[in-house]
């Protein structure tokens, strides 16, 4: 069983990928310099996890803040998840947001429109 984890910071998200459970979680804040490189590397890890017998089943996104450049990085992740969903029809994305954070709610709505993967908005 492989687990990949990156601890978040005040400007970068926490990432947790668990091959056995099939859960990917990205949470926290994403406002750092050059997020595309970060999200490109994350997409490679997600792809690598799906090469074995275990497949990603759930992607939980729990952002407190996501700037415009990071949103583009998330669009890249969604494109990669769309590709994975062609081989894995059990893939689901959950976008968690605080009821008070209407910006993250709107961001989730916009990203859901760009995704072919079932995308659930969850108010927490």
C-alpha atoms as a PDB file:
ATOM      1  CA  UNK A   1       0.000   0.000   0.000  1.00  0.00           C
ATOM      2  CA  UNK A   2       1.350   3.408  -0.987  1.00  0.00           C
ATOM      3  CA  UNK A   3       0.489   6.643   0.742  1.00  0.00           C
ATOM      4  CA  UNK A   4       1.745   9.988  -0.492  1.00  0.00           C
ATOM      5  CA  UNK A   5       1.455  13.034   1.727  1.00  0.00           C
ATOM      6  CA  UNK A   6       2.511  16.677   1.507  1.00  0.00           C
ATOM      7  CA  UNK A   7       2.039  18.839   4.572  1.00  0.00           C
ATOM      8  CA  UNK A   8       0.370  22.134   3.778  1.00  0.00           C
ATOM      9  CA  UNK A   9       1.630  25.574   4.702  1.00  0.00           C
ATOM     10  CA  UNK A  10       0.126  29.041   4.951  1.00  0.00           C
ATOM     11  CA  UNK A  11       0.276  29.278   1.127  1.00  0.00           C
ATOM     12  CA  UNK A  12       0.202  25.667  -0.118  1.00  0.00           C
ATOM     13  CA  UNK A  13      -2.372  22.878   0.282  1.00  0.00           C
ATOM     14  CA  UNK A  14      -2.108  19.649   2.205  1.00  0.00           C
ATOM     15  CA  UNK A  15      -2.257  16.611  -0.075  1.00  0.00           C
ATOM     16  CA  UNK A  16      -2.999  13.052   0.943  1.00  0.00           C
ATOM     17  CA  UNK A  17      -3.234  10.140  -1.500  1.00  0.00           C
ATOM     18  CA  UNK A  18      -4.029   6.660  -0.216  1.00  0.00           C
ATOM     19  CA  UNK A  19      -3.738   3.957  -2.836  1.00  0.00           C
ATOM     20  CA  UNK A  20      -5.590   1.268  -0.877  1.00  0.00           C
ATOM     21  CA  UNK A  21      -8.647   3.363   0.014  1.00  0.00           C
ATOM     22  CA  UNK A  22      -8.636   5.138  -3.352  1.00  0.00           C
ATOM     23  CA  UNK A  23      -8.987   8.537  -1.687  1.00  0.00           C
ATOM     24  CA  UNK A  24      -7.197  11.696  -2.742  1.00  0.00           C
ATOM     25  CA  UNK A  25      -7.599  14.757  -0.538  1.00  0.00           C
ATOM     26  CA  UNK A  26      -6.406  18.272  -1.297  1.00  0.00           C
ATOM     27  CA  UNK A  27      -7.138  20.842   1.394  1.00  0.00           C
ATOM     28  CA  UNK A  28      -6.215  24.180   2.870  1.00  0.00           C
ATOM     29  CA  UNK A  29      -4.904  27.244   1.095  1.00  0.00           C
ATOM     30  CA  UNK A  30      -3.409  27.515  -2.386  1.00  0.00           C
ATOM     31  CA  UNK A  31      -1.949  30.970  -2.968  1.00  0.00           C
ATOM     32  CA  UNK A  32       1.722  30.214  -3.582  1.00  0.00           C
ATOM     33  CA  UNK A  33       4.073  31.150  -6.414  1.00  0.00           C
ATOM     34  CA  UNK A  34       4.107  28.806  -9.439  1.00  0.00           C
ATOM     35  CA  UNK A  35       1.203  26.537  -8.470  1.00  0.00           C
ATOM     36  CA  UNK A  36       1.092  24.965 -11.932  1.00  0.00           C
ATOM     37  CA  UNK A  37       4.333  23.083 -11.219  1.00  0.00           C
ATOM     38  CA  UNK A  38       2.854  21.814  -7.938  1.00  0.00           C
ATOM     39  CA  UNK A  39      -0.401  20.666  -9.561  1.00  0.00           C
ATOM     40  CA  UNK A  40       1.429  19.139 -12.537  1.00  0.00           C
ATOM     41  CA  UNK A  41       3.492  17.003 -10.127  1.00  0.00           C
ATOM     42  CA  UNK A  42       0.333  16.111  -8.200  1.00  0.00           C
ATOM     43  CA  UNK A  43      -1.335  14.975 -11.433  1.00  0.00           C
ATOM     44  CA  UNK A  44       1.635  12.672 -12.101  1.00  0.00           C
ATOM     45  CA  UNK A  45       1.265  11.132  -8.628  1.00  0.00           C
ATOM     46  CA  UNK A  46      -2.457  10.578  -9.130  1.00  0.00           C
ATOM     47  CA  UNK A  47      -1.732   8.964 -12.498  1.00  0.00           C
ATOM     48  CA  UNK A  48       0.956   6.716 -10.967  1.00  0.00           C
ATOM     49  CA  UNK A  49      -1.424   5.600  -8.197  1.00  0.00           C
ATOM     50  CA  UNK A  50      -3.905   4.504 -10.851  1.00  0.00           C
ATOM     51  CA  UNK A  51      -1.455   2.312 -12.734  1.00  0.00           C
ATOM     52  CA  UNK A  52      -1.764  -0.515 -10.176  1.00  0.00           C
ATOM     53  CA  UNK A  53      -4.722  -2.619  -9.152  1.00  0.00           C
ATOM     54  CA  UNK A  54      -6.169   0.078  -6.861  1.00  0.00           C
ATOM     55  CA  UNK A  55      -7.928   3.006  -8.496  1.00  0.00           C
ATOM     56  CA  UNK A  56      -8.821   6.449  -7.260  1.00  0.00           C
ATOM     57  CA  UNK A  57     -12.473   6.431  -6.238  1.00  0.00           C
ATOM     58  CA  UNK A  58     -12.934   9.714  -4.413  1.00  0.00           C
ATOM     59  CA  UNK A  59     -11.210  13.078  -4.708  1.00  0.00           C
ATOM     60  CA  UNK A  60     -12.024  15.419  -1.822  1.00  0.00           C
ATOM     61  CA  UNK A  61     -11.172  19.086  -2.298  1.00  0.00           C
ATOM     62  CA  UNK A  62     -11.451  21.230   0.810  1.00  0.00           C
ATOM     63  CA  UNK A  63     -10.062  24.675   0.068  1.00  0.00           C
ATOM     64  CA  UNK A  64     -10.265  27.678   2.350  1.00  0.00           C
ATOM     65  CA  UNK A  65      -8.709  29.881  -0.328  1.00  0.00           C
ATOM     66  CA  UNK A  66      -7.700  29.292  -3.937  1.00  0.00           C
ATOM     67  CA  UNK A  67      -6.203  32.103  -5.999  1.00  0.00           C
ATOM     68  CA  UNK A  68      -6.614  32.504  -9.762  1.00  0.00           C
ATOM     69  CA  UNK A  69      -3.322  30.806 -10.687  1.00  0.00           C
ATOM     70  CA  UNK A  70      -4.111  27.878  -8.398  1.00  0.00           C
ATOM     71  CA  UNK A  71      -7.549  27.606  -9.992  1.00  0.00           C
ATOM     72  CA  UNK A  72      -5.799  27.033 -13.318  1.00  0.00           C
ATOM     73  CA  UNK A  73      -3.731  24.316 -11.650  1.00  0.00           C
ATOM     74  CA  UNK A  74      -6.948  22.720 -10.418  1.00  0.00           C
ATOM     75  CA  UNK A  75      -8.337  22.843 -13.951  1.00  0.00           C
ATOM     76  CA  UNK A  76      -5.318  20.803 -15.028  1.00  0.00           C
ATOM     77  CA  UNK A  77      -6.017  18.278 -12.245  1.00  0.00           C
ATOM     78  CA  UNK A  78      -9.642  18.049 -13.428  1.00  0.00           C
ATOM     79  CA  UNK A  79      -8.485  17.386 -16.994  1.00  0.00           C
ATOM     80  CA  UNK A  80      -6.321  14.535 -15.723  1.00  0.00           C
ATOM     81  CA  UNK A  81      -9.178  13.162 -13.609  1.00  0.00           C
ATOM     82  CA  UNK A  82     -11.440  13.302 -16.668  1.00  0.00           C
ATOM     83  CA  UNK A  83      -8.919  11.106 -18.486  1.00  0.00           C
ATOM     84  CA  UNK A  84      -8.805   8.676 -15.548  1.00  0.00           C
ATOM     85  CA  UNK A  85     -12.599   8.501 -15.422  1.00  0.00           C
ATOM     86  CA  UNK A  86     -12.640   6.963 -18.896  1.00  0.00           C
ATOM     87  CA  UNK A  87     -11.079   3.859 -17.355  1.00  0.00           C
ATOM     88  CA  UNK A  88     -12.635   4.252 -13.917  1.00  0.00           C
ATOM     89  CA  UNK A  89     -16.361   4.951 -13.913  1.00  0.00           C
ATOM     90  CA  UNK A  90     -16.488   4.925 -10.092  1.00  0.00           C
ATOM     91  CA  UNK A  91     -14.579   8.197  -9.715  1.00  0.00           C
ATOM     92  CA  UNK A  92     -16.291  11.038  -7.813  1.00  0.00           C
ATOM     93  CA  UNK A  93     -15.142  14.539  -6.878  1.00  0.00           C
ATOM     94  CA  UNK A  94     -16.384  16.216  -3.695  1.00  0.00           C
ATOM     95  CA  UNK A  95     -15.873  19.976  -3.353  1.00  0.00           C
ATOM     96  CA  UNK A  96     -16.284  20.982   0.300  1.00  0.00           C
ATOM     97  CA  UNK A  97     -16.764  24.633   1.194  1.00  0.00           C
ATOM     98  CA  UNK A  98     -17.762  26.615   4.238  1.00  0.00           C
ATOM     99  CA  UNK A  99     -21.315  27.994   4.031  1.00  0.00           C
ATOM    100  CA  UNK A 100     -19.879  31.439   4.734  1.00  0.00           C
ATOM    101  CA  UNK A 101     -17.298  31.203   1.941  1.00  0.00           C
ATOM    102  CA  UNK A 102     -19.339  32.070  -1.140  1.00  0.00           C
ATOM    103  CA  UNK A 103     -16.160  32.563  -3.184  1.00  0.00           C
ATOM    104  CA  UNK A 104     -15.180  28.904  -2.706  1.00  0.00           C
ATOM    105  CA  UNK A 105     -18.763  27.863  -3.433  1.00  0.00           C
ATOM    106  CA  UNK A 106     -18.707  29.770  -6.751  1.00  0.00           C
ATOM    107  CA  UNK A 107     -15.242  28.408  -7.558  1.00  0.00           C
ATOM    108  CA  UNK A 108     -16.565  24.874  -7.016  1.00  0.00           C
ATOM    109  CA  UNK A 109     -19.542  25.579  -9.269  1.00  0.00           C
ATOM    110  CA  UNK A 110     -17.280  26.880 -12.041  1.00  0.00           C
ATOM    111  CA  UNK A 111     -14.909  23.933 -11.768  1.00  0.00           C
ATOM    112  CA  UNK A 112     -17.820  21.472 -11.744  1.00  0.00           C
ATOM    113  CA  UNK A 113     -18.933  22.812 -15.121  1.00  0.00           C
ATOM    114  CA  UNK A 114     -15.526  21.909 -16.548  1.00  0.00           C
ATOM    115  CA  UNK A 115     -15.518  18.350 -15.258  1.00  0.00           C
ATOM    116  CA  UNK A 116     -16.912  15.220 -16.872  1.00  0.00           C
ATOM    117  CA  UNK A 117     -16.443  13.413 -13.535  1.00  0.00           C
ATOM    118  CA  UNK A 118     -19.437  13.453 -11.134  1.00  0.00           C
ATOM    119  CA  UNK A 119     -18.810  16.561  -9.044  1.00  0.00           C
ATOM    120  CA  UNK A 120     -20.607  17.179  -5.745  1.00  0.00           C
ATOM    121  CA  UNK A 121     -20.700  20.532  -3.956  1.00  0.00           C
ATOM    122  CA  UNK A 122     -20.864  19.953  -0.202  1.00  0.00           C
ATOM    123  CA  UNK A 123     -21.556  22.794   2.244  1.00  0.00           C
ATOM    124  CA  UNK A 124     -19.819  22.132   5.534  1.00  0.00           C
END
